[in-house]
Amino acid sequence: MPIDAVLRELLVRQLDHWLPGALHRSRRATLALSYAGDPGTAEAALRVVAGFADRLRGRRLTVLVLTGGGPEVPARLGAVEATLPADVAVHVVPGDPARLPVVLKAAGAAGAPLLTLVDGGAPDPALLAATTTGRPAEVLLTTAATVALRPALTAAGFPLVAEVELVPVDGSPARRVAFGTGLDKSLEAFKDALWAADGAVTGSGDVPADGSGAIRYRDPAGGLLDVAGPPAAGPLRDELLAELTRHGPRTVTELRRHALTATAYRAGDAGRALTELLDTGTVTREPEHGRLGGDVLISAVPAPDARSTA
């Protein structure tokens, strides 16, 4: 299913960002993968780990694979595991995501960098609490499109959360994906991966060249966004203007953060959207001239009918 390939690409790209930082911060780290079905996700993750073999010397990486797959899973992963250095310990554990808290505790994951993937599990408070025991802790969570993930991740203690709905253009069921972290750079990396994943999958041949297997993103604000090419600025313009209308003037830094955490967009996309709003006279800035830096204050221009009744 194309959407599975996109989710796998998201994990690979996030792992590629996470692993160097984790190895720099600590002498040990844990990668936990909990999913059902095809073991391709774990295979792809282990291949990323193998690419960092030179940086693993003197470090200890534990890879936990909690899967509902059959007995063929260990054998299939064994071929990739054989290419890993001795500093990497891979443990395949049968079971569903509900077992994750016990598995993480048994592995001694607390107190060191922890990246957890939970694919298809409900955002159970006990499960999410277990994923926060890492220092730092990050989680990539996917589930049915009807389940809101942001409230659960925020309640679990993740200060930075982004979520988006993945909508296949062929009409197959949509999925929701969310990422929780305490690190700005990790959230930015997730957003970069989000806008690169579908293109990478399409180019790899995992979906038809005519794009019939590709996906679109449903922004938390409600609009559907095409993934091919740079993100369209229009929906973000509307959302930033709505944010200014709701809460009053905001600095560029605050609006960039809003784009990063409350929409499917990246922080950098806010600059283009704000420039277009300024060009149309929909918003004003203070100071009026100079670089559109982080401390510039942006205000919405009242609608004509609002000005006339003021």
C-alpha atoms as a PDB file:
ATOM      1  CA  MET A   1       0.000   0.000   0.000  1.00  0.00           C
ATOM      2  CA  PRO A   2       1.531   3.342  -1.010  1.00  0.00           C
ATOM      3  CA  ILE A   3       0.662   5.002   2.282  1.00  0.00           C
ATOM      4  CA  ASP A   4       2.735   2.364   4.123  1.00  0.00           C
ATOM      5  CA  ALA A   5       5.691   3.231   1.909  1.00  0.00           C
ATOM      6  CA  VAL A   6       5.291   6.908   2.780  1.00  0.00           C
ATOM      7  CA  LEU A   7       5.172   6.136   6.502  1.00  0.00           C
ATOM      8  CA  ARG A   8       8.275   3.977   6.145  1.00  0.00           C
ATOM      9  CA  GLU A   9      10.054   6.816   4.380  1.00  0.00           C
ATOM     10  CA  LEU A  10       9.091   9.181   7.193  1.00  0.00           C
ATOM     11  CA  LEU A  11      10.661   6.844   9.764  1.00  0.00           C
ATOM     12  CA  VAL A  12      13.825   6.390   7.724  1.00  0.00           C
ATOM     13  CA  ARG A  13      14.321  10.130   7.335  1.00  0.00           C
ATOM     14  CA  GLN A  14      13.569  10.836  11.003  1.00  0.00           C
ATOM     15  CA  LEU A  15      15.930   8.074  12.110  1.00  0.00           C
ATOM     16  CA  ASP A  16      18.619   9.497   9.852  1.00  0.00           C
ATOM     17  CA  HIS A  17      18.270  12.790  11.736  1.00  0.00           C
ATOM     18  CA  TRP A  18      17.888  11.279  15.217  1.00  0.00           C
ATOM     19  CA  LEU A  19      20.683   8.731  15.353  1.00  0.00           C
ATOM     20  CA  PRO A  20      23.736  11.045  15.025  1.00  0.00           C
ATOM     21  CA  GLY A  21      22.411  13.330  17.758  1.00  0.00           C
ATOM     22  CA  ALA A  22      21.553  10.420  20.039  1.00  0.00           C
ATOM     23  CA  LEU A  23      25.027   8.932  19.684  1.00  0.00           C
ATOM     24  CA  HIS A  24      26.593  12.337  20.373  1.00  0.00           C
ATOM     25  CA  ARG A  25      24.545  12.923  23.546  1.00  0.00           C
ATOM     26  CA  SER A  26      24.925   9.542  25.189  1.00  0.00           C
ATOM     27  CA  ARG A  27      26.874   6.298  25.179  1.00  0.00           C
ATOM     28  CA  ARG A  28      23.605   4.384  24.871  1.00  0.00           C
ATOM     29  CA  ALA A  29      20.316   4.887  23.043  1.00  0.00           C
ATOM     30  CA  THR A  30      17.172   2.918  22.211  1.00  0.00           C
ATOM     31  CA  LEU A  31      15.124   2.645  19.033  1.00  0.00           C
ATOM     32  CA  ALA A  32      11.737   0.998  19.597  1.00  0.00           C
ATOM     33  CA  LEU A  33       9.552  -0.108  16.681  1.00  0.00           C
ATOM     34  CA  SER A  34       6.043  -1.373  17.348  1.00  0.00           C
ATOM     35  CA  TYR A  35       3.902  -2.282  14.368  1.00  0.00           C
ATOM     36  CA  ALA A  36       1.756  -4.996  12.818  1.00  0.00           C
ATOM     37  CA  GLY A  37       2.193  -6.792   9.544  1.00  0.00           C
ATOM     38  CA  ASP A  38       5.038  -6.595   7.061  1.00  0.00           C
ATOM     39  CA  PRO A  39       8.519  -6.264   8.627  1.00  0.00           C
ATOM     40  CA  GLY A  40       9.686  -3.910   5.887  1.00  0.00           C
ATOM     41  CA  THR A  41       9.634  -0.980   8.305  1.00  0.00           C
ATOM     42  CA  ALA A  42      12.082  -2.657  10.672  1.00  0.00           C
ATOM     43  CA  GLU A  43      14.277  -3.770   7.780  1.00  0.00           C
ATOM     44  CA  ALA A  44      14.502  -0.205   6.499  1.00  0.00           C
ATOM     45  CA  ALA A  45      15.348   1.078   9.987  1.00  0.00           C
ATOM     46  CA  LEU A  46      18.135  -1.463  10.450  1.00  0.00           C
ATOM     47  CA  ARG A  47      19.649  -0.462   7.117  1.00  0.00           C
ATOM     48  CA  VAL A  48      19.798   3.147   8.324  1.00  0.00           C
ATOM     49  CA  VAL A  49      21.518   1.977  11.507  1.00  0.00           C
ATOM     50  CA  ALA A  50      24.039   0.005   9.455  1.00  0.00           C
ATOM     51  CA  GLY A  51      24.980   3.215   7.658  1.00  0.00           C
ATOM     52  CA  PHE A  52      26.178   4.701  10.968  1.00  0.00           C
ATOM     53  CA  ALA A  53      28.427   1.774  11.905  1.00  0.00           C
ATOM     54  CA  ASP A  54      31.526   3.981  12.207  1.00  0.00           C
ATOM     55  CA  ARG A  55      29.802   6.281  14.726  1.00  0.00           C
ATOM     56  CA  LEU A  56      28.592   3.395  16.874  1.00  0.00           C
ATOM     57  CA  ARG A  57      32.030   2.457  18.156  1.00  0.00           C
ATOM     58  CA  GLY A  58      32.054   2.820  21.917  1.00  0.00           C
ATOM     59  CA  ARG A  59      28.288   3.351  21.962  1.00  0.00           C
ATOM     60  CA  ARG A  60      25.424   0.952  22.614  1.00  0.00           C
ATOM     61  CA  LEU A  61      22.270   1.018  20.506  1.00  0.00           C
ATOM     62  CA  THR A  62      19.361  -1.239  21.435  1.00  0.00           C
ATOM     63  CA  VAL A  63      16.761  -1.858  18.717  1.00  0.00           C
ATOM     64  CA  LEU A  64      13.464  -3.264  19.952  1.00  0.00           C
ATOM     65  CA  VAL A  65      11.099  -4.705  17.353  1.00  0.00           C
ATOM     66  CA  LEU A  66       7.667  -5.393  18.826  1.00  0.00           C
ATOM     67  CA  THR A  67       5.595  -6.975  16.107  1.00  0.00           C
ATOM     68  CA  GLY A  68       2.477  -8.993  15.530  1.00  0.00           C
ATOM     69  CA  GLY A  69       4.106 -10.649  12.532  1.00  0.00           C
ATOM     70  CA  GLY A  70       4.703 -14.394  12.241  1.00  0.00           C
ATOM     71  CA  PRO A  71       7.780 -16.523  12.974  1.00  0.00           C
ATOM     72  CA  GLU A  72       9.367 -15.501   9.681  1.00  0.00           C
ATOM     73  CA  VAL A  73      10.073 -11.991  11.012  1.00  0.00           C
ATOM     74  CA  PRO A  74      13.277 -12.828  12.965  1.00  0.00           C
ATOM     75  CA  ALA A  75      14.661 -14.733   9.974  1.00  0.00           C
ATOM     76  CA  ARG A  76      13.888 -11.876   7.601  1.00  0.00           C
ATOM     77  CA  LEU A  77      15.487  -9.304   9.886  1.00  0.00           C
ATOM     78  CA  GLY A  78      18.440 -11.586  10.550  1.00  0.00           C
ATOM     79  CA  ALA A  79      19.931 -10.932   7.126  1.00  0.00           C
ATOM     80  CA  VAL A  80      20.107  -7.191   7.851  1.00  0.00           C
ATOM     81  CA  GLU A  81      21.137  -7.731  11.483  1.00  0.00           C
ATOM     82  CA  ALA A  82      24.170  -9.688  10.297  1.00  0.00           C
ATOM     83  CA  THR A  83      25.541  -6.506   8.720  1.00  0.00           C
ATOM     84  CA  LEU A  84      25.361  -4.514  11.968  1.00  0.00           C
ATOM     85  CA  PRO A  85      28.309  -3.936  14.297  1.00  0.00           C
ATOM     86  CA  ALA A  86      28.452  -5.687  17.672  1.00  0.00           C
ATOM     87  CA  ASP A  87      27.496  -2.378  19.346  1.00  0.00           C
ATOM     88  CA  VAL A  88      23.911  -2.870  18.111  1.00  0.00           C
ATOM     89  CA  ALA A  89      21.605  -5.278  19.937  1.00  0.00           C
ATOM     90  CA  VAL A  90      18.394  -6.224  18.113  1.00  0.00           C
ATOM     91  CA  HIS A  91      15.537  -7.841  20.041  1.00  0.00           C
ATOM     92  CA  VAL A  92      12.434  -9.091  18.242  1.00  0.00           C
ATOM     93  CA  VAL A  93       9.519  -9.406  20.656  1.00  0.00           C
ATOM     94  CA  PRO A  94       6.096 -10.795  19.699  1.00  0.00           C
ATOM     95  CA  GLY A  95       3.085  -8.745  20.714  1.00  0.00           C
ATOM     96  CA  ASP A  96       1.052  -5.622  20.096  1.00  0.00           C
ATOM     97  CA  PRO A  97       1.811  -2.005  21.124  1.00  0.00           C
ATOM     98  CA  ALA A  98       0.169  -2.548  24.525  1.00  0.00           C
ATOM     99  CA  ARG A  99       3.287  -4.492  25.559  1.00  0.00           C
ATOM    100  CA  LEU A 100       5.594  -1.593  24.788  1.00  0.00           C
ATOM    101  CA  PRO A 101       5.806  -0.190  28.365  1.00  0.00           C
ATOM    102  CA  VAL A 102       7.028  -3.552  29.691  1.00  0.00           C
ATOM    103  CA  VAL A 103       9.462  -4.055  26.823  1.00  0.00           C
ATOM    104  CA  LEU A 104      10.973  -0.578  27.207  1.00  0.00           C
ATOM    105  CA  LYS A 105      11.401  -1.048  30.948  1.00  0.00           C
ATOM    106  CA  ALA A 106      13.048  -4.432  30.493  1.00  0.00           C
ATOM    107  CA  ALA A 107      15.472  -2.926  27.971  1.00  0.00           C
ATOM    108  CA  GLY A 108      16.486  -0.132  30.351  1.00  0.00           C
ATOM    109  CA  ALA A 109      15.523   2.564  27.854  1.00  0.00           C
ATOM    110  CA  ALA A 110      14.871   5.250  30.471  1.00  0.00           C
ATOM    111  CA  GLY A 111      17.303   8.115  30.930  1.00  0.00           C
ATOM    112  CA  ALA A 112      18.924   7.966  27.492  1.00  0.00           C
ATOM    113  CA  PRO A 113      17.868   8.986  23.965  1.00  0.00           C
ATOM    114  CA  LEU A 114      14.746   7.101  22.886  1.00  0.00           C
ATOM    115  CA  LEU A 115      12.956   7.177  19.532  1.00  0.00           C
ATOM    116  CA  THR A 116       9.730   5.171  19.385  1.00  0.00           C
ATOM    117  CA  LEU A 117       7.559   4.284  16.412  1.00  0.00           C
ATOM    118  CA  VAL A 118       4.046   3.073  17.173  1.00  0.00           C
ATOM    119  CA  ASP A 119       2.294   2.170  13.941  1.00  0.00           C
ATOM    120  CA  GLY A 120      -1.381   1.393  14.285  1.00  0.00           C
ATOM    121  CA  GLY A 121      -1.676   1.536  18.059  1.00  0.00           C
ATOM    122  CA  ALA A 122      -4.219   3.591  19.971  1.00  0.00           C
ATOM    123  CA  PRO A 123      -2.782   6.581  21.877  1.00  0.00           C
ATOM    124  CA  ASP A 124      -3.119   4.832  25.228  1.00  0.00           C
ATOM    125  CA  PRO A 125      -1.850   6.994  28.148  1.00  0.00           C
ATOM    126  CA  ALA A 126       0.253   4.172  29.624  1.00  0.00           C
ATOM    127  CA  LEU A 127       1.867   3.482  26.261  1.00  0.00           C
ATOM    128  CA  LEU A 128       2.659   7.144  25.603  1.00  0.00           C
ATOM    129  CA  ALA A 129       3.965   7.615  29.153  1.00  0.00           C
ATOM    130  CA  ALA A 130       6.477   4.829  28.492  1.00  0.00           C
ATOM    131  CA  THR A 131       7.746   6.611  25.379  1.00  0.00           C
ATOM    132  CA  THR A 132       8.513   9.751  27.426  1.00  0.00           C
ATOM    133  CA  THR A 133      11.058   8.037  29.682  1.00  0.00           C
ATOM    134  CA  GLY A 134      13.897   8.711  27.269  1.00  0.00           C
ATOM    135  CA  ARG A 135      16.210  11.703  27.683  1.00  0.00           C
ATOM    136  CA  PRO A 136      15.407  13.102  25.222  1.00  0.00           C
ATOM    137  CA  ALA A 137      12.287  11.249  24.102  1.00  0.00           C
ATOM    138  CA  GLU A 138      10.663  11.349  20.678  1.00  0.00           C
ATOM    139  CA  VAL A 139       7.739   9.394  19.255  1.00  0.00           C
ATOM    140  CA  LEU A 140       6.288   8.871  15.791  1.00  0.00           C
ATOM    141  CA  LEU A 141       2.705   7.662  16.055  1.00  0.00           C
ATOM    142  CA  THR A 142       0.323   6.557  13.311  1.00  0.00           C
ATOM    143  CA  THR A 143      -3.283   5.438  13.562  1.00  0.00           C
ATOM    144  CA  ALA A 144      -6.680   5.684  11.887  1.00  0.00           C
ATOM    145  CA  ALA A 145      -7.578   9.108  10.519  1.00  0.00           C
ATOM    146  CA  THR A 146     -10.505   9.433  12.915  1.00  0.00           C
ATOM    147  CA  VAL A 147      -8.282   9.423  16.026  1.00  0.00           C
ATOM    148  CA  ALA A 148      -6.875  12.769  17.185  1.00  0.00           C
ATOM    149  CA  LEU A 149      -3.310  12.331  18.412  1.00  0.00           C
ATOM    150  CA  ARG A 150      -2.223  15.816  19.448  1.00  0.00           C
ATOM    151  CA  PRO A 151      -4.195  15.922  22.742  1.00  0.00           C
ATOM    152  CA  ALA A 152      -2.816  12.548  23.830  1.00  0.00           C
ATOM    153  CA  LEU A 153       0.794  13.449  23.008  1.00  0.00           C
ATOM    154  CA  THR A 154       0.500  16.812  24.742  1.00  0.00           C
ATOM    155  CA  ALA A 155      -1.008  15.177  27.829  1.00  0.00           C
ATOM    156  CA  ALA A 156       1.838  12.653  27.858  1.00  0.00           C
ATOM    157  CA  GLY A 157       4.335  15.499  28.226  1.00  0.00           C
ATOM    158  CA  PHE A 158       5.632  16.184  24.724  1.00  0.00           C
ATOM    159  CA  PRO A 159       5.988  19.991  24.487  1.00  0.00           C
ATOM    160  CA  LEU A 160       6.212  20.033  20.684  1.00  0.00           C
ATOM    161  CA  VAL A 161       3.655  18.115  18.636  1.00  0.00           C
ATOM    162  CA  ALA A 162       2.739  18.097  14.960  1.00  0.00           C
ATOM    163  CA  GLU A 163       0.115  15.950  13.279  1.00  0.00           C
ATOM    164  CA  VAL A 164      -1.279  15.587   9.792  1.00  0.00           C
ATOM    165  CA  GLU A 165      -3.678  13.312   7.960  1.00  0.00           C
ATOM    166  CA  LEU A 166      -2.317  11.317   5.018  1.00  0.00           C
ATOM    167  CA  VAL A 167      -4.994  11.006   2.351  1.00  0.00           C
ATOM    168  CA  PRO A 168      -4.332   8.665  -0.619  1.00  0.00           C
ATOM    169  CA  VAL A 169      -5.628  10.116  -3.863  1.00  0.00           C
ATOM    170  CA  ASP A 170      -6.892   6.683  -4.940  1.00  0.00           C
ATOM    171  CA  GLY A 171      -9.573   6.749  -2.240  1.00  0.00           C
ATOM    172  CA  SER A 172      -8.039   4.109   0.057  1.00  0.00           C
ATOM    173  CA  PRO A 173      -8.345   4.741   3.818  1.00  0.00           C
ATOM    174  CA  ALA A 174      -6.521   7.760   5.192  1.00  0.00           C
ATOM    175  CA  ARG A 175      -4.131   7.604   8.145  1.00  0.00           C
ATOM    176  CA  ARG A 176      -3.106  10.124  10.770  1.00  0.00           C
ATOM    177  CA  VAL A 177       0.540  10.589  11.708  1.00  0.00           C
ATOM    178  CA  ALA A 178       1.882  12.651  14.599  1.00  0.00           C
ATOM    179  CA  PHE A 179       5.313  13.400  15.993  1.00  0.00           C
ATOM    180  CA  GLY A 180       6.101  14.399  19.555  1.00  0.00           C
ATOM    181  CA  THR A 181       9.419  15.795  20.788  1.00  0.00           C
ATOM    182  CA  GLY A 182      11.006  18.399  23.009  1.00  0.00           C
ATOM    183  CA  LEU A 183      13.551  19.522  20.429  1.00  0.00           C
ATOM    184  CA  ASP A 184      12.847  22.215  17.835  1.00  0.00           C
ATOM    185  CA  LYS A 185      15.361  20.781  15.365  1.00  0.00           C
ATOM    186  CA  SER A 186      13.728  17.361  15.537  1.00  0.00           C
ATOM    187  CA  LEU A 187      10.306  18.811  14.807  1.00  0.00           C
ATOM    188  CA  GLU A 188      11.754  20.769  11.888  1.00  0.00           C
ATOM    189  CA  ALA A 189      13.380  17.575  10.594  1.00  0.00           C
ATOM    190  CA  PHE A 190      10.021  15.799  10.779  1.00  0.00           C
ATOM    191  CA  LYS A 191       8.357  18.534   8.745  1.00  0.00           C
ATOM    192  CA  ASP A 192      11.160  18.403   6.164  1.00  0.00           C
ATOM    193  CA  ALA A 193      10.692  14.635   5.959  1.00  0.00           C
ATOM    194  CA  LEU A 194       6.946  15.075   5.609  1.00  0.00           C
ATOM    195  CA  TRP A 195       7.339  17.204   2.491  1.00  0.00           C
ATOM    196  CA  ALA A 196      10.020  14.957   0.973  1.00  0.00           C
ATOM    197  CA  ALA A 197       8.602  11.505   1.742  1.00  0.00           C
ATOM    198  CA  ASP A 198       5.896  11.204  -0.902  1.00  0.00           C
ATOM    199  CA  GLY A 199       8.191  12.486  -3.642  1.00  0.00           C
ATOM    200  CA  ALA A 200      10.894  10.022  -2.636  1.00  0.00           C
ATOM    201  CA  VAL A 201       8.440   7.119  -2.690  1.00  0.00           C
ATOM    202  CA  THR A 202       6.964   8.153  -6.044  1.00  0.00           C
ATOM    203  CA  GLY A 203      10.436   8.473  -7.545  1.00  0.00           C
ATOM    204  CA  SER A 204      11.460   5.067  -6.219  1.00  0.00           C
ATOM    205  CA  GLY A 205       8.697   3.338  -8.142  1.00  0.00           C
ATOM    206  CA  ASP A 206       6.738   2.277  -5.067  1.00  0.00           C
ATOM    207  CA  VAL A 207       3.710   4.044  -6.536  1.00  0.00           C
ATOM    208  CA  PRO A 208       2.633   4.364 -10.183  1.00  0.00           C
ATOM    209  CA  ALA A 209       4.357   7.034 -12.237  1.00  0.00           C
ATOM    210  CA  ASP A 210       0.990   8.634 -13.013  1.00  0.00           C
ATOM    211  CA  GLY A 211       0.686   9.540  -9.329  1.00  0.00           C
ATOM    212  CA  SER A 212      -2.411   7.388  -8.795  1.00  0.00           C
ATOM    213  CA  GLY A 213      -0.912   5.940  -5.624  1.00  0.00           C
ATOM    214  CA  ALA A 214       0.334   9.220  -4.221  1.00  0.00           C
ATOM    215  CA  ILE A 215      -1.069  11.019  -1.206  1.00  0.00           C
ATOM    216  CA  ARG A 216      -2.168  14.452  -0.129  1.00  0.00           C
ATOM    217  CA  TYR A 217      -2.020  15.963   3.346  1.00  0.00           C
ATOM    218  CA  ARG A 218      -5.055  17.198   5.210  1.00  0.00           C
ATOM    219  CA  ASP A 219      -3.873  20.186   7.201  1.00  0.00           C
ATOM    220  CA  PRO A 220      -5.115  20.433  10.820  1.00  0.00           C
ATOM    221  CA  ALA A 221      -6.959  23.567   9.674  1.00  0.00           C
ATOM    222  CA  GLY A 222      -8.964  21.358   7.301  1.00  0.00           C
ATOM    223  CA  GLY A 223      -7.597  21.892   3.772  1.00  0.00           C
ATOM    224  CA  LEU A 224      -6.117  19.250   1.459  1.00  0.00           C
ATOM    225  CA  LEU A 225      -2.565  19.990   0.320  1.00  0.00           C
ATOM    226  CA  ASP A 226      -0.787  18.568  -2.720  1.00  0.00           C
ATOM    227  CA  VAL A 227       2.618  17.181  -1.780  1.00  0.00           C
ATOM    228  CA  ALA A 228       4.261  17.431  -5.194  1.00  0.00           C
ATOM    229  CA  GLY A 229       6.462  20.525  -5.421  1.00  0.00           C
ATOM    230  CA  PRO A 230       6.755  23.374  -2.902  1.00  0.00           C
ATOM    231  CA  PRO A 231       3.753  23.659  -0.568  1.00  0.00           C
ATOM    232  CA  ALA A 232       1.125  26.125  -1.762  1.00  0.00           C
ATOM    233  CA  ALA A 233       1.224  29.280   0.352  1.00  0.00           C
ATOM    234  CA  GLY A 234      -2.507  30.025   0.122  1.00  0.00           C
ATOM    235  CA  PRO A 235      -3.791  27.791   2.944  1.00  0.00           C
ATOM    236  CA  LEU A 236      -0.987  28.943   5.239  1.00  0.00           C
ATOM    237  CA  ARG A 237      -1.764  32.592   4.449  1.00  0.00           C
ATOM    238  CA  ASP A 238      -5.348  31.973   5.499  1.00  0.00           C
ATOM    239  CA  GLU A 239      -4.324  30.200   8.697  1.00  0.00           C
ATOM    240  CA  LEU A 240      -1.812  32.860   9.755  1.00  0.00           C
ATOM    241  CA  LEU A 241      -4.389  35.582   9.113  1.00  0.00           C
ATOM    242  CA  ALA A 242      -6.920  33.629  11.170  1.00  0.00           C
ATOM    243  CA  GLU A 243      -4.387  33.304  13.988  1.00  0.00           C
ATOM    244  CA  LEU A 244      -3.795  37.068  13.951  1.00  0.00           C
ATOM    245  CA  THR A 245      -7.549  37.684  13.967  1.00  0.00           C
ATOM    246  CA  ARG A 246      -8.082  35.317  16.883  1.00  0.00           C
ATOM    247  CA  HIS A 247      -5.240  36.445  19.118  1.00  0.00           C
ATOM    248  CA  GLY A 248      -4.072  39.839  17.905  1.00  0.00           C
ATOM    249  CA  PRO A 249      -0.588  40.930  16.787  1.00  0.00           C
ATOM    250  CA  ARG A 250       2.141  38.291  16.771  1.00  0.00           C
ATOM    251  CA  THR A 251       5.850  38.388  16.084  1.00  0.00           C
ATOM    252  CA  VAL A 252       7.289  36.590  13.092  1.00  0.00           C
ATOM    253  CA  THR A 253       8.879  34.101  15.496  1.00  0.00           C
ATOM    254  CA  GLU A 254       5.478  33.306  17.031  1.00  0.00           C
ATOM    255  CA  LEU A 255       3.881  32.876  13.616  1.00  0.00           C
ATOM    256  CA  ARG A 256       6.714  30.615  12.478  1.00  0.00           C
ATOM    257  CA  ARG A 257       6.162  28.473  15.570  1.00  0.00           C
ATOM    258  CA  HIS A 258       2.433  28.374  14.862  1.00  0.00           C
ATOM    259  CA  ALA A 259       3.096  27.134  11.331  1.00  0.00           C
ATOM    260  CA  LEU A 260       5.477  24.485  12.649  1.00  0.00           C
ATOM    261  CA  THR A 261       3.248  23.081  15.384  1.00  0.00           C
ATOM    262  CA  ALA A 262      -0.345  23.813  14.337  1.00  0.00           C
ATOM    263  CA  THR A 263      -0.255  23.171  10.583  1.00  0.00           C
ATOM    264  CA  ALA A 264       1.273  20.758   8.097  1.00  0.00           C
ATOM    265  CA  TYR A 265       3.739  23.464   7.039  1.00  0.00           C
ATOM    266  CA  ARG A 266       7.326  24.132   8.063  1.00  0.00           C
ATOM    267  CA  ALA A 267       8.474  27.188   9.972  1.00  0.00           C
ATOM    268  CA  GLY A 268      10.303  28.457   6.895  1.00  0.00           C
ATOM    269  CA  ASP A 269       7.093  28.424   4.846  1.00  0.00           C
ATOM    270  CA  ALA A 270       5.674  31.156   7.088  1.00  0.00           C
ATOM    271  CA  GLY A 271       8.070  33.753   5.659  1.00  0.00           C
ATOM    272  CA  ARG A 272       6.719  33.357   2.123  1.00  0.00           C
ATOM    273  CA  ALA A 273       3.121  33.416   3.337  1.00  0.00           C
ATOM    274  CA  LEU A 274       3.710  36.566   5.426  1.00  0.00           C
ATOM    275  CA  THR A 275       5.402  38.312   2.506  1.00  0.00           C
ATOM    276  CA  GLU A 276       2.341  37.657   0.342  1.00  0.00           C
ATOM    277  CA  LEU A 277       0.030  38.937   3.090  1.00  0.00           C
ATOM    278  CA  LEU A 278       2.102  42.111   3.368  1.00  0.00           C
ATOM    279  CA  ASP A 279       2.124  42.574  -0.400  1.00  0.00           C
ATOM    280  CA  THR A 280      -1.675  42.441  -0.525  1.00  0.00           C
ATOM    281  CA  GLY A 281      -2.074  44.830   2.405  1.00  0.00           C
ATOM    282  CA  THR A 282      -3.893  42.229   4.468  1.00  0.00           C
ATOM    283  CA  VAL A 283      -1.439  42.640   7.351  1.00  0.00           C
ATOM    284  CA  THR A 284       0.965  45.328   8.515  1.00  0.00           C
ATOM    285  CA  ARG A 285       4.355  45.111  10.158  1.00  0.00           C
ATOM    286  CA  GLU A 286       6.234  47.053  12.818  1.00  0.00           C
ATOM    287  CA  PRO A 287       8.835  48.302  12.065  1.00  0.00           C
ATOM    288  CA  GLU A 288       7.567  49.067   8.594  1.00  0.00           C
ATOM    289  CA  HIS A 289      10.869  48.554   6.790  1.00  0.00           C
ATOM    290  CA  GLY A 290      13.830  46.231   7.046  1.00  0.00           C
ATOM    291  CA  ARG A 291      14.332  42.493   7.138  1.00  0.00           C
ATOM    292  CA  LEU A 292      11.332  40.373   8.059  1.00  0.00           C
ATOM    293  CA  GLY A 293      13.105  39.114  11.173  1.00  0.00           C
ATOM    294  CA  GLY A 294      11.794  37.204  14.146  1.00  0.00           C
ATOM    295  CA  ASP A 295      11.032  40.233  16.310  1.00  0.00           C
ATOM    296  CA  VAL A 296       8.975  42.060  13.656  1.00  0.00           C
ATOM    297  CA  LEU A 297       5.392  42.469  14.882  1.00  0.00           C
ATOM    298  CA  ILE A 298       2.653  41.464  12.438  1.00  0.00           C
ATOM    299  CA  SER A 299      -0.931  42.758  12.761  1.00  0.00           C
ATOM    300  CA  ALA A 300      -4.080  41.987  10.780  1.00  0.00           C
ATOM    301  CA  VAL A 301      -5.687  44.900   8.961  1.00  0.00           C
ATOM    302  CA  PRO A 302      -9.359  45.150  10.069  1.00  0.00           C
ATOM    303  CA  ALA A 303     -11.914  44.444   7.382  1.00  0.00           C
ATOM    304  CA  PRO A 304     -13.616  47.587   5.937  1.00  0.00           C
ATOM    305  CA  ASP A 305     -16.920  46.889   7.685  1.00  0.00           C
ATOM    306  CA  ALA A 306     -15.099  46.444  11.004  1.00  0.00           C
ATOM    307  CA  ARG A 307     -13.299  49.775  10.569  1.00  0.00           C
ATOM    308  CA  SER A 308     -16.551  51.574   9.742  1.00  0.00           C
ATOM    309  CA  THR A 309     -18.275  50.383  12.923  1.00  0.00           C
ATOM    310  CA  ALA A 310     -15.295  50.912  15.210  1.00  0.00           C
END
